Protein backbone atom coordinates (compact mmCIF):
# COMPACT_ATOMS: atom_id res chain seq x y z
CA UNK A 1 0.00 0.01 -0.02
CA UNK A 2 1.39 3.35 -0.93
CA UNK A 3 0.17 6.85 -0.17
CA UNK A 4 0.91 10.12 -1.99
CA UNK A 5 4.42 11.21 -2.99
CA UNK A 6 5.21 13.18 0.17
CA UNK A 7 5.31 11.43 3.57
CA UNK A 8 3.78 13.58 6.36
CA UNK A 9 5.82 14.31 9.45
CA UNK A 10 3.67 12.33 11.94
CA UNK A 11 4.20 9.44 14.28
CA UNK A 12 4.62 5.94 12.77
CA UNK A 13 1.28 4.98 14.24
CA UNK A 14 -0.44 7.94 12.63
CA UNK A 15 1.28 7.25 9.35
CA UNK A 16 -0.01 3.70 9.44
CA UNK A 17 -3.50 4.98 10.04
CA UNK A 18 -3.21 7.41 7.12
CA UNK A 19 -2.10 4.62 4.82
CA UNK A 20 -4.90 2.15 5.70
CA UNK A 21 -7.71 4.53 6.58
CA UNK A 22 -9.45 4.65 3.15
CA UNK A 23 -9.37 0.87 2.78
CA UNK A 24 -10.87 0.37 6.22
CA UNK A 25 -13.54 3.01 5.53
CA UNK A 26 -14.54 1.10 2.46
CA UNK A 27 -14.81 -2.06 4.56
CA UNK A 28 -17.01 -0.44 7.13
CA UNK A 29 -19.14 1.23 4.57
CA UNK A 30 -20.46 -2.00 3.12
CA UNK A 31 -24.10 -2.63 3.94
CA UNK A 32 -24.48 -5.93 5.73
CA UNK A 33 -27.60 -7.24 7.42
CA UNK A 34 -27.83 -4.39 9.96
CA UNK A 35 -27.38 -1.78 7.18
CA UNK A 36 -29.95 -3.38 4.85
CA UNK A 37 -32.39 -3.78 7.70
CA UNK A 38 -32.25 -0.07 8.59
CA UNK A 39 -32.71 0.75 4.88
CA UNK A 40 -35.68 -1.50 4.45
CA UNK A 41 -37.43 -0.58 7.73
CA UNK A 42 -36.94 3.13 7.23
CA UNK A 43 -39.57 3.38 4.49
CA UNK A 44 -41.86 5.71 6.48
CA UNK A 45 -41.29 9.43 6.64
CA UNK A 46 -39.03 10.36 9.50
CA UNK A 47 -37.61 6.86 9.77
CA UNK A 48 -35.09 7.36 6.89
CA UNK A 49 -33.12 9.91 8.83
CA UNK A 50 -33.15 7.67 11.89
CA UNK A 51 -31.89 4.71 9.83
CA UNK A 52 -29.14 6.84 8.36
CA UNK A 53 -28.11 7.99 11.83
CA UNK A 54 -27.91 4.34 13.04
CA UNK A 55 -25.79 3.34 10.06
CA UNK A 56 -23.41 6.32 10.56
CA UNK A 57 -23.07 5.60 14.26
CA UNK A 58 -22.43 1.92 13.58
CA UNK A 59 -19.77 2.77 10.94
CA UNK A 60 -18.18 5.30 13.38
CA UNK A 61 -17.96 2.62 16.12
CA UNK A 62 -16.30 0.27 13.68
CA UNK A 63 -13.75 2.95 12.58
CA UNK A 64 -12.91 3.63 16.25
CA UNK A 65 -12.19 -0.03 16.78
CA UNK A 66 -10.08 -0.13 13.58
CA UNK A 67 -8.11 2.91 14.85
CA UNK A 68 -7.27 1.11 18.06
CA UNK A 69 -6.30 -2.02 16.10
CA UNK A 70 -4.03 -0.08 13.74
CA UNK A 71 -2.35 1.69 16.68
CA UNK A 72 -1.64 -1.70 18.37
CA UNK A 73 -0.38 -3.29 15.16
CA UNK A 74 1.88 -0.26 14.48
CA UNK A 75 3.50 -0.74 17.84
CA UNK A 76 4.50 -4.21 16.71
CA UNK A 77 6.58 -2.87 13.82
CA UNK A 78 10.30 -3.66 14.02
CA UNK A 79 12.94 -0.93 13.62
CA UNK A 80 13.66 -2.14 10.09
CA UNK A 81 9.92 -2.03 9.20
CA UNK A 82 9.63 1.43 10.63
CA UNK A 83 12.58 2.64 8.53
CA UNK A 84 10.99 1.20 5.47
CA UNK A 85 7.61 2.72 6.36
CA UNK A 86 9.22 6.12 6.74
CA UNK A 87 11.11 5.83 3.45
CA UNK A 88 8.35 4.37 1.24
CA UNK A 89 4.98 4.75 3.05
CA UNK A 90 4.47 1.04 2.55
CA UNK A 91 3.40 -1.35 5.26
CA UNK A 92 4.58 -4.95 5.64
CA UNK A 93 2.41 -7.70 4.22
CA UNK A 94 1.38 -8.97 7.65
CA UNK A 95 0.12 -5.51 8.81
CA UNK A 96 -3.41 -5.46 7.50
CA UNK A 97 -4.24 -9.08 8.44
CA UNK A 98 -2.95 -8.35 11.89
CA UNK A 99 -5.21 -5.26 12.08
CA UNK A 100 -8.12 -7.39 11.07
CA UNK A 101 -7.30 -9.96 13.73
CA UNK A 102 -7.04 -7.29 16.43
CA UNK A 103 -10.22 -5.66 15.19
CA UNK A 104 -12.13 -8.98 15.48
CA UNK A 105 -10.89 -9.36 18.98
CA UNK A 106 -12.07 -5.88 20.01
CA UNK A 107 -15.50 -6.53 18.41
CA UNK A 108 -15.86 -9.80 20.36
CA UNK A 109 -15.40 -7.95 23.60
CA UNK A 110 -18.28 -5.65 22.95
């Protein structure tokens, strides 16, 4: 995964978040059962706004958990991986699967 040409002057954890944020937002934006249920049951006037609010709140909760998972995974980067991250804005192959694993653990605790 690569970001834009210039690498911002932020912490390694924040840089990791900036690199994966859009991909994780796409994953949380997919309508699953909960999302489709709110769409289908919001057919009456006034309910559509409520259904949209529920979907946005649910997506926000997921992104918060992803942020925690990314931060924890970023702390597991080795010195060599951090140097590579700073030079290229690329994450190791294990990073995103590790974020997903940590994310699932966080969601189970809810």
